[in-house]
Amino acid sequence: MIRPAADAPSSLLSEPREKQGIAWKPLSLPVQLWIEVCLLIAYGLIMIYSASSIHALKKFGDPNYYMKRQLLCIVIGIPIIVLVGRTSYRAFKDYTGTILLLTLGVLGLVLIPGIGAELNNARRWFRIGSFLLQPAEYAKVIWVLFLSYALVKKQDRIKKSAVSFWPFMILCGIISALLLKEPDFGTTFMIVLLTAIMLATSGVPCRNFLLLLPVAVAGVYRFVLLVPYRRERITAFLNPWIDPLDSGYQLIQAWIAVGSGGLFGKGLGAGQQKLFYLPESYTDFILAVIGEELGFIGIMIPCILFYFLFRTGMRISRSAPDLLGSLLALGLTMMLSLQALLNMGVVLGLVPTKGLPLPFISYGGSAFTTNCIAVGLLMSVAKSCEIRMDKNV
């Protein structure tokens, strides 16, 4: 047994660990957020290279093509987090309406032939050189920003009067109509879901949502059941083996990839489904490549990271110094977490295909920079939490 030295001061031996200066101080919320996001980005970059190298080699003669473009997005995205994080989230108070109107205008412009780029029968992008910019991605974070400020401004009225509830529904309907015209059902679904969550959290009575039930049923019938390719997605979700070479093909290939990976996977880079069997292997279905190459353990890594990101975001929301910060942090946290959950559900066949990328892990510049803006705003609220805690101390 190791005994203290005989000449050691008894007061030092009897003092609590905190007073001896050796107690561990918990990481601050901004630091936790940085660690979680950086780990997701690093993990995504590794998997993008593994999933895309064969496609890049065939198409461009350079196996590093997609990885280098994603690195460029990271070089742009990290400063965005720093810049937005250093700006007070309250600074946008007087500009959210203008920003939303500009966003609606841009969503309209992308639909015009000759201005918006069309790929795979969808017109969602602006072509800038060799890059594609997708404004629908930015619409999500801008809508959360606008909703947060507007709900705080109308907090008293929205709890008492149903009239104050309808302007939000009308604006949500306009954005959804523009997105469905592209068409982009996945982003539309996210916008509607975020709107419902934030309105319910801000105190909107449940009876107001019940009034929208007929509208929701009519919308599902019109924009899902009456649209052939979306109806096929529902059919493929229920039973992909009905049409294994067409509507059910992608889900079946994803299942093969995840199922063949087992617990530990075949090894990084050793996956076979990415060899032109699995469509969107480095974008929306990158989780299937992770499952094949790194197995169940590899899938659990982003699951755990997103859980910690969700927990940190909710702690920021609860600790925010005002209602604005709380609503904003809640909306942004749900935006990132729900998109991750839906993407994983699609790949595993738990929900119908929606075309949503896995945040920070799937390849794509617009989605990546949008998520960086969201994290920057979360960082801004987190820093306000730290300032408030320091003042209380």
Foldseek 3Di string as FASTA:
>chain_A
DDDDDPPPDPVLVPDDPVVVVNDDDDDFLLVLLVVLLVVLLVQQLLLLLLLQQLVCCVPPVGSCVLSVVSVVLVVVLVVLLVVLLVDALCVCLVPLVVVLVVLLVVLVQQLDPPQFDDDPNFRAWGDDPPATAGSLLLNLLSLLSSLLSLCVVCLVVQQPDLVSVVVNVVSLVSSCVSCCSSPAQLSNVLSVVLSVVLSVVSRHDPVSVVVCVVVVVVCCCVSAVVDVLNVLLVVLLVPVVVPCPPSVVQLVLLCVLLVQQAAAAPARSPGDCSNPRHPLCQWLSVLSPQNHHGNPVSNVVNVVSLVSLLVSLCVLLVLFPDSSRNSLSVSLNCSLNVLQVVSVCCSNSNDGDRPGTNASNGRDSNNPSSNSNSSSSSSNRSVNSVVVVVVVD
